[in-house]
Amino acid sequence: MVTRATGLTGVTDVTDADFDVEVLGAELPVLVEFTADWCPPCRQMGPVLKALAAEEGDRLKVVQLDVDANPTTTNAYKVLSMPTFMVFRGGEPVKAMVGARAKRKLLEELADVL
């Protein structure tokens, strides 16, 4: 498995090419942030995702997908707003959330899928 650094420790960049392997084929539940460089709320989520990956790494894989560079996956899951967060478990999306949020709030929303 190749892990590309996002600049965020514990957070992996995924692409259209490796989404099936990295996300759909993952053993752990995966939190995917659909993000874009031009999106201020997406950048605001960086420290939150880094902290989440550090604290929950044994129970949750955290990845980012750049929507501009990866339109196939973005369109397949009908992502229209950034940031959109989706949790995948067993190859299926089980939860979706739109918009930046505090780590505490994100953890509350993830409690039922972890």
C-alpha atoms as a PDB file:
ATOM      1  CA  MET A   1       0.000   0.000   0.000  1.00  0.00           C
ATOM      2  CA  VAL A   2       1.356   3.400  -0.953  1.00  0.00           C
ATOM      3  CA  THR A   3       0.504   6.233   1.395  1.00  0.00           C
ATOM      4  CA  ARG A   4       0.805   9.722  -0.013  1.00  0.00           C
ATOM      5  CA  ALA A   5       1.329  12.422   2.535  1.00  0.00           C
ATOM      6  CA  THR A   6      -1.238  15.202   2.612  1.00  0.00           C
ATOM      7  CA  GLY A   7       0.826  17.227   4.993  1.00  0.00           C
ATOM      8  CA  LEU A   8      -1.565  15.939   7.644  1.00  0.00           C
ATOM      9  CA  THR A   9      -0.109  13.149   9.744  1.00  0.00           C
ATOM     10  CA  GLY A  10      -2.301  10.064   9.633  1.00  0.00           C
ATOM     11  CA  VAL A  11      -4.476  11.419   6.802  1.00  0.00           C
ATOM     12  CA  THR A  12      -3.975   9.798   3.379  1.00  0.00           C
ATOM     13  CA  ASP A  13      -4.728  11.302  -0.030  1.00  0.00           C
ATOM     14  CA  VAL A  14      -6.832   9.012  -2.220  1.00  0.00           C
ATOM     15  CA  THR A  15      -7.612   9.315  -5.930  1.00  0.00           C
ATOM     16  CA  ASP A  16     -10.061   7.937  -8.474  1.00  0.00           C
ATOM     17  CA  ALA A  17      -7.395   5.331  -9.296  1.00  0.00           C
ATOM     18  CA  ASP A  18      -6.978   3.920  -5.773  1.00  0.00           C
ATOM     19  CA  PHE A  19     -10.360   4.700  -4.157  1.00  0.00           C
ATOM     20  CA  ASP A  20     -11.571   1.093  -4.541  1.00  0.00           C
ATOM     21  CA  VAL A  21      -8.520  -0.320  -2.772  1.00  0.00           C
ATOM     22  CA  GLU A  22      -7.940   2.392  -0.152  1.00  0.00           C
ATOM     23  CA  VAL A  23     -11.576   3.059   0.803  1.00  0.00           C
ATOM     24  CA  LEU A  24     -13.956   0.383  -0.458  1.00  0.00           C
ATOM     25  CA  GLY A  25     -11.528  -2.443   0.334  1.00  0.00           C
ATOM     26  CA  ALA A  26     -10.398  -1.161   3.734  1.00  0.00           C
ATOM     27  CA  GLU A  27     -10.836  -3.339   6.801  1.00  0.00           C
ATOM     28  CA  LEU A  28     -11.598  -0.391   9.084  1.00  0.00           C
ATOM     29  CA  PRO A  29     -14.416   2.102   8.568  1.00  0.00           C
ATOM     30  CA  VAL A  30     -13.078   4.989   6.431  1.00  0.00           C
ATOM     31  CA  LEU A  31     -13.883   8.680   6.831  1.00  0.00           C
ATOM     32  CA  VAL A  32     -13.449  10.382   3.444  1.00  0.00           C
ATOM     33  CA  GLU A  33     -13.250  14.161   3.267  1.00  0.00           C
ATOM     34  CA  PHE A  34     -14.188  15.353  -0.213  1.00  0.00           C
ATOM     35  CA  THR A  35     -12.115  18.524  -0.337  1.00  0.00           C
ATOM     36  CA  ALA A  36     -10.722  21.245  -2.604  1.00  0.00           C
ATOM     37  CA  ASP A  37      -7.717  23.568  -2.374  1.00  0.00           C
ATOM     38  CA  TRP A  38      -9.943  26.617  -2.931  1.00  0.00           C
ATOM     39  CA  CYS A  39     -12.284  25.721  -0.042  1.00  0.00           C
ATOM     40  CA  PRO A  40     -11.547  27.644   3.215  1.00  0.00           C
ATOM     41  CA  PRO A  41     -13.784  25.398   5.393  1.00  0.00           C
ATOM     42  CA  CYS A  42     -11.904  22.385   3.979  1.00  0.00           C
ATOM     43  CA  ARG A  43      -8.571  23.875   5.053  1.00  0.00           C
ATOM     44  CA  GLN A  44     -10.105  24.648   8.456  1.00  0.00           C
ATOM     45  CA  MET A  45     -10.804  20.913   8.879  1.00  0.00           C
ATOM     46  CA  GLY A  46      -7.119  19.951   8.473  1.00  0.00           C
ATOM     47  CA  PRO A  47      -6.183  20.077  12.175  1.00  0.00           C
ATOM     48  CA  VAL A  48      -9.467  18.363  13.115  1.00  0.00           C
ATOM     49  CA  LEU A  49      -8.822  15.463  10.721  1.00  0.00           C
ATOM     50  CA  LYS A  50      -5.204  15.165  11.869  1.00  0.00           C
ATOM     51  CA  ALA A  51      -6.312  14.957  15.511  1.00  0.00           C
ATOM     52  CA  LEU A  52      -9.073  12.496  14.644  1.00  0.00           C
ATOM     53  CA  ALA A  53      -6.640  10.252  12.748  1.00  0.00           C
ATOM     54  CA  ALA A  54      -4.231  10.322  15.692  1.00  0.00           C
ATOM     55  CA  GLU A  55      -6.888   9.544  18.302  1.00  0.00           C
ATOM     56  CA  GLU A  56      -9.053   7.058  16.384  1.00  0.00           C
ATOM     57  CA  GLY A  57      -6.500   5.495  14.014  1.00  0.00           C
ATOM     58  CA  ASP A  58      -7.048   2.024  15.467  1.00  0.00           C
ATOM     59  CA  ARG A  59     -10.805   2.234  14.756  1.00  0.00           C
ATOM     60  CA  LEU A  60     -11.045   4.597  11.762  1.00  0.00           C
ATOM     61  CA  LYS A  61      -9.032   5.336   8.627  1.00  0.00           C
ATOM     62  CA  VAL A  62      -9.084   9.025   7.612  1.00  0.00           C
ATOM     63  CA  VAL A  63      -8.515  10.033   3.973  1.00  0.00           C
ATOM     64  CA  GLN A  64      -8.968  13.057   1.716  1.00  0.00           C
ATOM     65  CA  LEU A  65     -10.065  13.149  -1.915  1.00  0.00           C
ATOM     66  CA  ASP A  66      -9.476  16.294  -3.997  1.00  0.00           C
ATOM     67  CA  VAL A  67     -12.740  16.795  -5.904  1.00  0.00           C
ATOM     68  CA  ASP A  68     -11.140  18.817  -8.706  1.00  0.00           C
ATOM     69  CA  ALA A  69      -8.517  16.164  -9.472  1.00  0.00           C
ATOM     70  CA  ASN A  70     -10.871  13.196  -8.995  1.00  0.00           C
ATOM     71  CA  PRO A  71     -14.210  13.885 -10.723  1.00  0.00           C
ATOM     72  CA  THR A  72     -15.152  10.220 -11.245  1.00  0.00           C
ATOM     73  CA  THR A  73     -15.421   9.391  -7.534  1.00  0.00           C
ATOM     74  CA  THR A  74     -16.850  12.821  -6.710  1.00  0.00           C
ATOM     75  CA  ASN A  75     -19.647  12.381  -9.271  1.00  0.00           C
ATOM     76  CA  ALA A  76     -20.257   8.730  -8.352  1.00  0.00           C
ATOM     77  CA  TYR A  77     -21.196   9.776  -4.808  1.00  0.00           C
ATOM     78  CA  LYS A  78     -23.034  12.942  -5.947  1.00  0.00           C
ATOM     79  CA  VAL A  79     -20.832  15.278  -3.910  1.00  0.00           C
ATOM     80  CA  LEU A  80     -21.849  18.887  -4.589  1.00  0.00           C
ATOM     81  CA  SER A  81     -20.640  20.810  -1.520  1.00  0.00           C
ATOM     82  CA  MET A  82     -17.266  20.989   0.184  1.00  0.00           C
ATOM     83  CA  PRO A  83     -16.319  19.721   2.574  1.00  0.00           C
ATOM     84  CA  THR A  84     -18.457  16.602   2.408  1.00  0.00           C
ATOM     85  CA  PHE A  85     -17.590  13.786   4.777  1.00  0.00           C
ATOM     86  CA  MET A  86     -18.629  10.210   4.033  1.00  0.00           C
ATOM     87  CA  VAL A  87     -18.072   7.162   6.149  1.00  0.00           C
ATOM     88  CA  PHE A  88     -17.604   3.896   4.270  1.00  0.00           C
ATOM     89  CA  ARG A  89     -17.863   0.531   5.970  1.00  0.00           C
ATOM     90  CA  GLY A  90     -17.625  -2.770   4.140  1.00  0.00           C
ATOM     91  CA  GLY A  91     -17.344  -0.956   0.807  1.00  0.00           C
ATOM     92  CA  GLU A  92     -20.597   0.985   1.250  1.00  0.00           C
ATOM     93  CA  PRO A  93     -21.293   4.585   2.291  1.00  0.00           C
ATOM     94  CA  VAL A  94     -23.067   4.457   5.654  1.00  0.00           C
ATOM     95  CA  LYS A  95     -23.121   8.138   6.636  1.00  0.00           C
ATOM     96  CA  ALA A  96     -22.690  11.533   4.969  1.00  0.00           C
ATOM     97  CA  MET A  97     -22.199  14.986   6.509  1.00  0.00           C
ATOM     98  CA  VAL A  98     -21.712  18.343   4.800  1.00  0.00           C
ATOM     99  CA  GLY A  99     -19.797  21.318   6.182  1.00  0.00           C
ATOM    100  CA  ALA A 100     -16.974  22.040   8.597  1.00  0.00           C
ATOM    101  CA  ARG A 101     -17.483  21.133  12.228  1.00  0.00           C
ATOM    102  CA  ALA A 102     -15.572  20.991  15.501  1.00  0.00           C
ATOM    103  CA  LYS A 103     -13.782  17.756  16.400  1.00  0.00           C
ATOM    104  CA  ARG A 104     -16.163  17.128  19.318  1.00  0.00           C
ATOM    105  CA  LYS A 105     -19.185  17.434  17.021  1.00  0.00           C
ATOM    106  CA  LEU A 106     -17.581  15.214  14.365  1.00  0.00           C
ATOM    107  CA  LEU A 107     -16.816  12.533  16.972  1.00  0.00           C
ATOM    108  CA  GLU A 108     -20.427  12.662  18.184  1.00  0.00           C
ATOM    109  CA  GLU A 109     -21.666  12.191  14.625  1.00  0.00           C
ATOM    110  CA  LEU A 110     -19.259   9.291  14.029  1.00  0.00           C
ATOM    111  CA  ALA A 111     -20.108   7.463  17.280  1.00  0.00           C
ATOM    112  CA  ASP A 112     -22.775   5.267  15.662  1.00  0.00           C
ATOM    113  CA  VAL A 113     -20.474   4.064  12.863  1.00  0.00           C
ATOM    114  CA  LEU A 114     -17.315   3.373  14.849  1.00  0.00           C
END
